[in-house]
């Protein structure tokens, strides 16, 4: 088994740990969004060091945006695996990810006004509330203390 630390290494946001099993299965432990570094976080969140389509499953520890915030972006980029978490985490993500998408839609308006002043083309938000809501179809809730197989 190989573990690659992609986020939350030497910092506290953007938690993502890629586990590659001996059989080649790729499981992402958390799919967190980087936060708190101004415009730099936009670049950090968009630059994923692997293709989201290459991930088989995401195991989500909890609903905080720094652990779950990029799931809609991965969905937008073609991730089709399951997001495995507790039922409570799924319920919280349904609210928090849609809200995160709405915030990004709002923030991108300000960001694009600034870009326009410098003659730069507009950019799209990382994801919208609509994409966040659509990504919820990937979530599978598992009861506490219940053993299950990912594969």
N, C-alpha and C. Protein backbone atom coordinates (compact mmCIF):
# COMPACT_ATOMS: atom_id res chain seq x y z
N UNK A 1 0.85 -1.17 0.00
CA UNK A 1 0.00 0.00 0.00
C UNK A 1 0.90 1.24 0.00
N UNK A 2 0.47 2.24 -0.75
CA UNK A 2 1.21 3.50 -0.86
C UNK A 2 0.28 4.63 -0.42
N UNK A 3 0.80 5.56 0.38
CA UNK A 3 0.02 6.72 0.82
C UNK A 3 0.74 7.99 0.37
N UNK A 4 -0.01 8.84 -0.32
CA UNK A 4 0.53 10.12 -0.78
C UNK A 4 -0.22 11.24 -0.07
N UNK A 5 0.51 12.12 0.60
CA UNK A 5 -0.08 13.24 1.32
C UNK A 5 -0.14 14.43 0.38
N UNK A 6 -1.37 14.83 0.01
CA UNK A 6 -1.55 15.86 -1.01
C UNK A 6 -1.93 17.20 -0.38
N UNK A 7 -2.65 17.17 0.69
CA UNK A 7 -3.04 18.39 1.39
C UNK A 7 -2.93 18.15 2.88
N UNK A 8 -3.04 19.22 3.63
CA UNK A 8 -2.96 19.16 5.10
C UNK A 8 -1.64 18.56 5.56
N UNK A 9 -0.61 18.71 4.75
CA UNK A 9 0.74 18.32 5.14
C UNK A 9 1.51 19.63 5.32
N UNK A 10 1.98 19.88 6.53
CA UNK A 10 2.64 21.13 6.89
C UNK A 10 1.68 22.32 6.90
N UNK A 11 0.39 22.04 6.91
CA UNK A 11 -0.65 23.06 7.02
C UNK A 11 -1.93 22.39 7.49
N UNK A 12 -2.99 23.16 7.67
CA UNK A 12 -4.19 22.57 8.26
C UNK A 12 -5.39 22.50 7.32
N UNK A 13 -5.26 22.93 6.08
CA UNK A 13 -6.41 22.86 5.17
C UNK A 13 -6.08 21.99 3.96
N UNK A 14 -7.11 21.67 3.21
CA UNK A 14 -6.93 20.91 1.98
C UNK A 14 -6.63 19.44 2.20
N UNK A 15 -7.19 18.85 3.23
CA UNK A 15 -6.90 17.46 3.57
C UNK A 15 -7.24 16.51 2.41
N UNK A 16 -6.21 15.84 1.91
CA UNK A 16 -6.36 14.83 0.86
C UNK A 16 -5.20 13.85 1.01
N UNK A 17 -5.53 12.57 1.16
CA UNK A 17 -4.52 11.54 1.26
C UNK A 17 -4.89 10.42 0.30
N UNK A 18 -4.03 10.19 -0.68
CA UNK A 18 -4.30 9.20 -1.70
C UNK A 18 -3.68 7.87 -1.31
N UNK A 19 -4.53 6.87 -1.18
CA UNK A 19 -4.10 5.53 -0.84
C UNK A 19 -4.21 4.67 -2.09
N UNK A 20 -3.10 4.05 -2.48
CA UNK A 20 -3.09 3.14 -3.61
C UNK A 20 -2.80 1.75 -3.05
N UNK A 21 -3.75 0.85 -3.23
CA UNK A 21 -3.60 -0.50 -2.68
C UNK A 21 -2.67 -1.34 -3.56
N UNK A 22 -2.29 -2.48 -3.05
CA UNK A 22 -1.44 -3.40 -3.78
C UNK A 22 -2.10 -3.81 -5.10
N UNK A 23 -3.42 -3.89 -5.10
CA UNK A 23 -4.15 -4.28 -6.31
C UNK A 23 -4.43 -3.08 -7.23
N UNK A 24 -3.91 -1.90 -6.89
CA UNK A 24 -4.05 -0.74 -7.75
C UNK A 24 -5.29 0.10 -7.52
N UNK A 25 -6.06 -0.24 -6.52
CA UNK A 25 -7.26 0.55 -6.19
C UNK A 25 -6.82 1.89 -5.60
N UNK A 26 -7.45 2.98 -6.04
CA UNK A 26 -7.09 4.32 -5.58
C UNK A 26 -8.22 4.90 -4.75
N UNK A 27 -7.93 5.09 -3.48
CA UNK A 27 -8.91 5.58 -2.51
C UNK A 27 -8.40 6.90 -1.96
N UNK A 28 -9.23 7.91 -2.03
CA UNK A 28 -8.86 9.22 -1.49
C UNK A 28 -9.50 9.37 -0.12
N UNK A 29 -8.67 9.57 0.89
CA UNK A 29 -9.16 9.83 2.24
C UNK A 29 -9.29 11.34 2.36
N UNK A 30 -10.52 11.81 2.37
CA UNK A 30 -10.89 13.23 2.39
C UNK A 30 -10.58 13.89 1.05
N UNK A 31 -11.30 14.97 0.79
CA UNK A 31 -11.19 15.70 -0.47
C UNK A 31 -11.37 17.18 -0.16
N UNK A 32 -10.45 17.68 0.66
CA UNK A 32 -10.61 19.01 1.23
C UNK A 32 -10.17 20.16 0.36
N UNK A 33 -10.81 21.28 0.62
CA UNK A 33 -10.52 22.53 -0.07
C UNK A 33 -9.50 23.31 0.75
N UNK A 34 -8.53 23.90 0.05
CA UNK A 34 -7.60 24.82 0.72
C UNK A 34 -8.36 26.10 1.01
N UNK A 35 -8.05 26.72 2.16
CA UNK A 35 -8.74 27.94 2.58
C UNK A 35 -7.74 28.90 3.20
N UNK A 36 -8.10 30.19 3.18
CA UNK A 36 -7.40 31.17 3.99
C UNK A 36 -6.17 31.81 3.42
N UNK A 37 -5.87 31.61 2.13
CA UNK A 37 -4.66 32.20 1.56
C UNK A 37 -5.00 33.14 0.41
N UNK A 38 -6.17 33.73 0.46
CA UNK A 38 -6.58 34.68 -0.57
C UNK A 38 -6.68 34.02 -1.93
N UNK A 39 -6.22 34.74 -2.95
CA UNK A 39 -6.34 34.23 -4.32
C UNK A 39 -5.45 33.02 -4.58
N UNK A 40 -4.42 32.82 -3.75
CA UNK A 40 -3.57 31.64 -3.92
C UNK A 40 -4.34 30.34 -3.73
N UNK A 41 -5.35 30.37 -2.87
CA UNK A 41 -6.11 29.14 -2.64
C UNK A 41 -6.87 28.70 -3.88
N UNK A 42 -7.29 29.65 -4.71
CA UNK A 42 -7.98 29.28 -5.94
C UNK A 42 -7.08 28.41 -6.81
N UNK A 43 -5.83 28.82 -6.98
CA UNK A 43 -4.87 28.03 -7.76
C UNK A 43 -4.62 26.69 -7.12
N UNK A 44 -4.44 26.68 -5.81
CA UNK A 44 -4.17 25.43 -5.09
C UNK A 44 -5.33 24.45 -5.25
N UNK A 45 -6.56 24.96 -5.20
CA UNK A 45 -7.72 24.09 -5.30
C UNK A 45 -7.94 23.55 -6.71
N UNK A 46 -7.55 24.32 -7.71
CA UNK A 46 -7.74 23.88 -9.10
C UNK A 46 -6.65 22.93 -9.58
N UNK A 47 -5.48 23.02 -8.98
CA UNK A 47 -4.34 22.21 -9.43
C UNK A 47 -4.25 20.91 -8.64
N UNK A 48 -4.95 19.92 -9.12
CA UNK A 48 -4.96 18.60 -8.50
C UNK A 48 -3.84 17.78 -9.16
N UNK A 49 -2.96 17.13 -8.39
CA UNK A 49 -1.83 16.41 -8.99
C UNK A 49 -2.19 15.04 -9.59
N UNK A 50 -3.46 14.79 -9.82
CA UNK A 50 -3.90 13.55 -10.45
C UNK A 50 -5.25 13.82 -11.09
N UNK A 51 -5.67 12.93 -11.94
CA UNK A 51 -6.97 13.06 -12.60
C UNK A 51 -8.05 12.55 -11.64
N UNK A 52 -9.02 13.38 -11.27
CA UNK A 52 -10.09 12.91 -10.36
C UNK A 52 -10.82 11.66 -10.88
N UNK A 53 -10.83 11.46 -12.19
CA UNK A 53 -11.46 10.25 -12.76
C UNK A 53 -10.70 8.99 -12.39
N UNK A 54 -9.44 9.13 -11.98
CA UNK A 54 -8.62 7.96 -11.64
C UNK A 54 -8.89 7.44 -10.23
N UNK A 55 -9.69 8.15 -9.46
CA UNK A 55 -9.99 7.76 -8.08
C UNK A 55 -11.19 6.81 -8.09
N UNK A 56 -11.06 5.69 -7.37
CA UNK A 56 -12.15 4.72 -7.29
C UNK A 56 -13.20 5.14 -6.27
N UNK A 57 -12.76 5.58 -5.09
CA UNK A 57 -13.68 5.99 -4.04
C UNK A 57 -13.05 7.09 -3.19
N UNK A 58 -13.92 7.86 -2.55
CA UNK A 58 -13.49 8.82 -1.54
C UNK A 58 -14.09 8.37 -0.22
N UNK A 59 -13.26 8.29 0.80
CA UNK A 59 -13.73 8.03 2.16
C UNK A 59 -13.62 9.36 2.89
N UNK A 60 -14.74 9.81 3.38
CA UNK A 60 -14.83 11.14 3.99
C UNK A 60 -14.91 11.01 5.50
N UNK A 61 -13.98 11.66 6.21
CA UNK A 61 -13.95 11.57 7.66
C UNK A 61 -15.00 12.44 8.33
N UNK A 62 -15.24 13.63 7.76
CA UNK A 62 -16.26 14.52 8.30
C UNK A 62 -16.55 15.64 7.30
N UNK A 63 -17.52 16.48 7.60
CA UNK A 63 -18.09 17.41 6.63
C UNK A 63 -17.40 18.77 6.54
N UNK A 64 -16.40 19.05 7.33
CA UNK A 64 -15.75 20.36 7.23
C UNK A 64 -15.26 20.60 5.81
N UNK A 65 -15.34 21.84 5.36
CA UNK A 65 -14.97 22.19 3.99
C UNK A 65 -13.50 21.86 3.70
N UNK A 66 -12.63 21.96 4.70
CA UNK A 66 -11.23 21.61 4.47
C UNK A 66 -11.00 20.11 4.37
N UNK A 67 -12.08 19.32 4.51
CA UNK A 67 -12.02 17.87 4.32
C UNK A 67 -12.94 17.38 3.19
N UNK A 68 -13.99 18.13 2.89
CA UNK A 68 -14.98 17.69 1.91
C UNK A 68 -15.22 18.69 0.78
N UNK A 69 -14.64 19.87 0.86
CA UNK A 69 -15.00 20.97 -0.01
C UNK A 69 -14.72 20.83 -1.49
N UNK A 70 -13.86 19.89 -1.89
CA UNK A 70 -13.58 19.74 -3.33
C UNK A 70 -14.33 18.59 -3.99
N UNK A 71 -15.20 17.93 -3.25
CA UNK A 71 -15.95 16.83 -3.86
C UNK A 71 -16.76 17.31 -5.07
N UNK A 72 -17.46 18.43 -5.00
CA UNK A 72 -18.18 18.89 -6.21
C UNK A 72 -17.24 19.21 -7.38
N UNK A 73 -16.05 19.72 -7.09
CA UNK A 73 -15.08 19.99 -8.14
C UNK A 73 -14.63 18.68 -8.79
N UNK A 74 -14.36 17.67 -7.97
CA UNK A 74 -13.98 16.36 -8.51
C UNK A 74 -15.11 15.81 -9.37
N UNK A 75 -16.34 15.96 -8.90
CA UNK A 75 -17.51 15.53 -9.67
C UNK A 75 -17.55 16.26 -11.01
N UNK A 76 -17.34 17.55 -10.99
CA UNK A 76 -17.32 18.38 -12.20
C UNK A 76 -16.21 17.90 -13.16
N UNK A 77 -15.09 17.43 -12.60
CA UNK A 77 -13.95 16.99 -13.40
C UNK A 77 -14.07 15.52 -13.83
N UNK A 78 -15.18 14.86 -13.49
CA UNK A 78 -15.41 13.51 -13.99
C UNK A 78 -15.34 12.38 -12.98
N UNK A 79 -15.12 12.69 -11.70
CA UNK A 79 -15.12 11.63 -10.69
C UNK A 79 -16.50 10.99 -10.62
N UNK A 80 -16.56 9.66 -10.71
CA UNK A 80 -17.83 8.93 -10.69
C UNK A 80 -17.91 7.87 -9.61
N UNK A 81 -16.90 7.81 -8.74
CA UNK A 81 -16.90 6.81 -7.68
C UNK A 81 -17.86 7.18 -6.57
N UNK A 82 -17.82 6.40 -5.51
CA UNK A 82 -18.67 6.67 -4.35
C UNK A 82 -17.93 7.50 -3.33
N UNK A 83 -18.68 8.33 -2.61
CA UNK A 83 -18.17 9.07 -1.46
C UNK A 83 -18.77 8.39 -0.25
N UNK A 84 -17.94 7.74 0.53
CA UNK A 84 -18.41 6.93 1.65
C UNK A 84 -18.19 7.71 2.95
N UNK A 85 -19.26 7.83 3.73
CA UNK A 85 -19.21 8.60 4.97
C UNK A 85 -20.39 8.19 5.85
N UNK A 86 -20.45 8.78 7.02
CA UNK A 86 -21.62 8.51 7.88
C UNK A 86 -22.83 9.26 7.32
N UNK A 87 -24.00 8.85 7.75
CA UNK A 87 -25.23 9.52 7.32
C UNK A 87 -25.23 10.99 7.76
N UNK A 88 -24.74 11.26 8.97
CA UNK A 88 -24.70 12.63 9.47
C UNK A 88 -23.77 13.50 8.62
N UNK A 89 -22.63 12.96 8.24
CA UNK A 89 -21.70 13.69 7.39
C UNK A 89 -22.33 13.97 6.04
N UNK A 90 -23.04 13.02 5.49
CA UNK A 90 -23.73 13.21 4.21
C UNK A 90 -24.75 14.34 4.33
N UNK A 91 -25.55 14.32 5.40
CA UNK A 91 -26.57 15.35 5.59
C UNK A 91 -25.95 16.74 5.71
N UNK A 92 -24.85 16.84 6.45
CA UNK A 92 -24.17 18.13 6.60
C UNK A 92 -23.56 18.59 5.27
N UNK A 93 -22.98 17.66 4.53
CA UNK A 93 -22.38 18.01 3.23
C UNK A 93 -23.44 18.54 2.26
N UNK A 94 -24.63 17.99 2.31
CA UNK A 94 -25.70 18.46 1.43
C UNK A 94 -25.94 19.96 1.63
N UNK A 95 -25.84 20.42 2.85
CA UNK A 95 -26.03 21.85 3.15
C UNK A 95 -24.75 22.65 2.89
N UNK A 96 -23.65 22.16 3.41
CA UNK A 96 -22.41 22.93 3.38
C UNK A 96 -21.82 23.06 1.97
N UNK A 97 -21.89 22.01 1.17
CA UNK A 97 -21.32 22.08 -0.17
C UNK A 97 -22.14 22.99 -1.08
N UNK A 98 -23.47 22.93 -0.94
CA UNK A 98 -24.32 23.84 -1.72
C UNK A 98 -24.03 25.29 -1.32
N UNK A 99 -23.86 25.54 -0.04
CA UNK A 99 -23.53 26.88 0.44
C UNK A 99 -22.15 27.31 -0.06
N UNK A 100 -21.20 26.40 -0.05
CA UNK A 100 -19.86 26.70 -0.56
C UNK A 100 -19.91 27.08 -2.04
N UNK A 101 -20.72 26.37 -2.81
CA UNK A 101 -20.89 26.70 -4.23
C UNK A 101 -21.48 28.09 -4.41
N UNK A 102 -22.47 28.43 -3.60
CA UNK A 102 -23.09 29.76 -3.68
C UNK A 102 -22.08 30.85 -3.32
N UNK A 103 -21.26 30.61 -2.32
CA UNK A 103 -20.23 31.57 -1.93
C UNK A 103 -19.23 31.75 -3.06
N UNK A 104 -18.85 30.65 -3.70
CA UNK A 104 -17.91 30.76 -4.82
C UNK A 104 -18.52 31.52 -5.99
N UNK A 105 -19.79 31.31 -6.25
CA UNK A 105 -20.46 32.05 -7.32
C UNK A 105 -20.42 33.56 -7.02
N UNK A 106 -20.66 33.91 -5.77
CA UNK A 106 -20.64 35.31 -5.36
C UNK A 106 -19.23 35.88 -5.43
N UNK A 107 -18.25 35.14 -4.89
CA UNK A 107 -16.88 35.62 -4.85
C UNK A 107 -16.28 35.80 -6.24
N UNK A 108 -16.66 34.95 -7.18
CA UNK A 108 -16.09 35.02 -8.52
C UNK A 108 -16.51 36.29 -9.24
N UNK A 109 -17.67 36.85 -8.87
CA UNK A 109 -18.09 38.12 -9.45
C UNK A 109 -17.09 39.22 -9.11
N UNK A 110 -16.70 39.29 -7.84
CA UNK A 110 -15.72 40.28 -7.39
C UNK A 110 -14.36 40.01 -8.04
N UNK A 111 -13.96 38.75 -8.08
CA UNK A 111 -12.68 38.35 -8.66
C UNK A 111 -12.63 38.74 -10.14
N UNK A 112 -13.70 38.50 -10.87
CA UNK A 112 -13.74 38.81 -12.31
C UNK A 112 -13.75 40.31 -12.58
N UNK A 113 -14.36 41.10 -11.68
CA UNK A 113 -14.31 42.56 -11.83
C UNK A 113 -12.85 43.03 -11.75
N UNK A 114 -12.12 42.45 -10.82
CA UNK A 114 -10.71 42.79 -10.65
C UNK A 114 -9.91 42.37 -11.88
N UNK A 115 -10.20 41.19 -12.42
CA UNK A 115 -9.51 40.70 -13.62
C UNK A 115 -9.81 41.61 -14.82
N UNK A 116 -11.06 42.03 -14.94
CA UNK A 116 -11.46 42.88 -16.07
C UNK A 116 -10.69 44.20 -16.06
N UNK A 117 -10.42 44.74 -14.89
CA UNK A 117 -9.66 46.00 -14.79
C UNK A 117 -8.24 45.85 -15.33
N UNK A 118 -7.74 44.63 -15.32
CA UNK A 118 -6.39 44.35 -15.82
C UNK A 118 -6.42 43.74 -17.22
N UNK A 119 -7.60 43.76 -17.84
CA UNK A 119 -7.74 43.22 -19.19
C UNK A 119 -7.68 41.71 -19.28
N UNK A 120 -7.91 41.04 -18.17
CA UNK A 120 -7.87 39.57 -18.15
C UNK A 120 -9.26 38.99 -18.35
N UNK A 121 -9.35 37.83 -18.98
CA UNK A 121 -10.66 37.21 -19.20
C UNK A 121 -11.26 36.71 -17.88
N UNK A 122 -12.57 36.60 -17.83
CA UNK A 122 -13.21 36.09 -16.60
C UNK A 122 -12.92 34.60 -16.42
N UNK A 123 -13.04 34.15 -15.18
CA UNK A 123 -12.91 32.73 -14.86
C UNK A 123 -14.20 32.24 -14.24
N UNK A 124 -14.39 30.94 -14.28
CA UNK A 124 -15.58 30.33 -13.67
C UNK A 124 -15.28 29.96 -12.22
N UNK A 125 -16.30 29.87 -11.40
CA UNK A 125 -16.06 29.37 -10.04
C UNK A 125 -15.60 27.92 -10.10
N UNK A 126 -14.93 27.49 -9.06
CA UNK A 126 -14.48 26.10 -9.01
C UNK A 126 -15.68 25.17 -9.20
N UNK A 127 -16.78 25.49 -8.53
CA UNK A 127 -18.06 24.82 -8.75
C UNK A 127 -19.18 25.72 -8.27
N UNK A 128 -20.37 25.39 -8.68
CA UNK A 128 -21.56 26.18 -8.31
C UNK A 128 -22.40 25.39 -7.31
N UNK A 129 -23.40 26.04 -6.76
CA UNK A 129 -24.30 25.33 -5.84
C UNK A 129 -25.03 24.21 -6.58
N UNK A 130 -25.34 24.41 -7.85
CA UNK A 130 -26.02 23.38 -8.63
C UNK A 130 -25.14 22.13 -8.80
N UNK A 131 -23.86 22.34 -9.08
CA UNK A 131 -22.93 21.20 -9.19
C UNK A 131 -22.79 20.51 -7.85
N UNK A 132 -22.72 21.29 -6.77
CA UNK A 132 -22.61 20.70 -5.44
C UNK A 132 -23.81 19.82 -5.14
N UNK A 133 -25.00 20.30 -5.47
CA UNK A 133 -26.20 19.49 -5.24
C UNK A 133 -26.18 18.22 -6.08
N UNK A 134 -25.73 18.32 -7.32
CA UNK A 134 -25.67 17.14 -8.20
C UNK A 134 -24.65 16.12 -7.69
N UNK A 135 -23.57 16.60 -7.09
CA UNK A 135 -22.53 15.68 -6.60
C UNK A 135 -23.01 14.82 -5.44
N UNK A 136 -24.09 15.22 -4.80
CA UNK A 136 -24.59 14.47 -3.65
C UNK A 136 -25.08 13.07 -4.05
N UNK A 137 -25.34 12.84 -5.33
CA UNK A 137 -25.75 11.50 -5.77
C UNK A 137 -24.65 10.46 -5.58
N UNK A 138 -23.42 10.90 -5.40
CA UNK A 138 -22.30 9.98 -5.22
C UNK A 138 -22.16 9.50 -3.77
N UNK A 139 -22.82 10.18 -2.84
CA UNK A 139 -22.64 9.89 -1.41
C UNK A 139 -23.36 8.62 -0.98
N UNK A 140 -22.66 7.82 -0.19
CA UNK A 140 -23.23 6.62 0.41
C UNK A 140 -23.04 6.73 1.91
N UNK A 141 -24.14 6.76 2.64
CA UNK A 141 -24.07 6.84 4.10
C UNK A 141 -23.91 5.46 4.70
N UNK A 142 -23.03 5.35 5.69
CA UNK A 142 -22.79 4.10 6.40
C UNK A 142 -23.01 4.36 7.88
N UNK A 143 -23.68 3.43 8.54
CA UNK A 143 -23.94 3.57 9.98
C UNK A 143 -22.64 3.54 10.78
N UNK A 144 -22.66 4.22 11.92
CA UNK A 144 -21.54 4.17 12.85
C UNK A 144 -21.26 2.73 13.26
N UNK A 145 -19.99 2.42 13.47
CA UNK A 145 -19.54 1.11 13.96
C UNK A 145 -19.95 -0.06 13.06
N UNK A 146 -20.24 0.21 11.82
CA UNK A 146 -20.60 -0.86 10.88
C UNK A 146 -19.42 -1.14 9.97
N UNK A 147 -19.02 -2.39 9.88
CA UNK A 147 -17.93 -2.77 8.98
C UNK A 147 -18.50 -2.89 7.57
N UNK A 148 -17.72 -2.49 6.60
CA UNK A 148 -18.13 -2.59 5.20
C UNK A 148 -16.90 -2.70 4.33
N UNK A 149 -17.10 -3.19 3.13
CA UNK A 149 -16.01 -3.29 2.15
C UNK A 149 -16.20 -2.19 1.12
N UNK A 150 -15.12 -1.51 0.83
CA UNK A 150 -15.19 -0.45 -0.16
C UNK A 150 -15.38 -1.04 -1.55
N UNK A 151 -14.76 -2.17 -1.81
CA UNK A 151 -14.84 -2.77 -3.14
C UNK A 151 -15.92 -3.83 -3.22
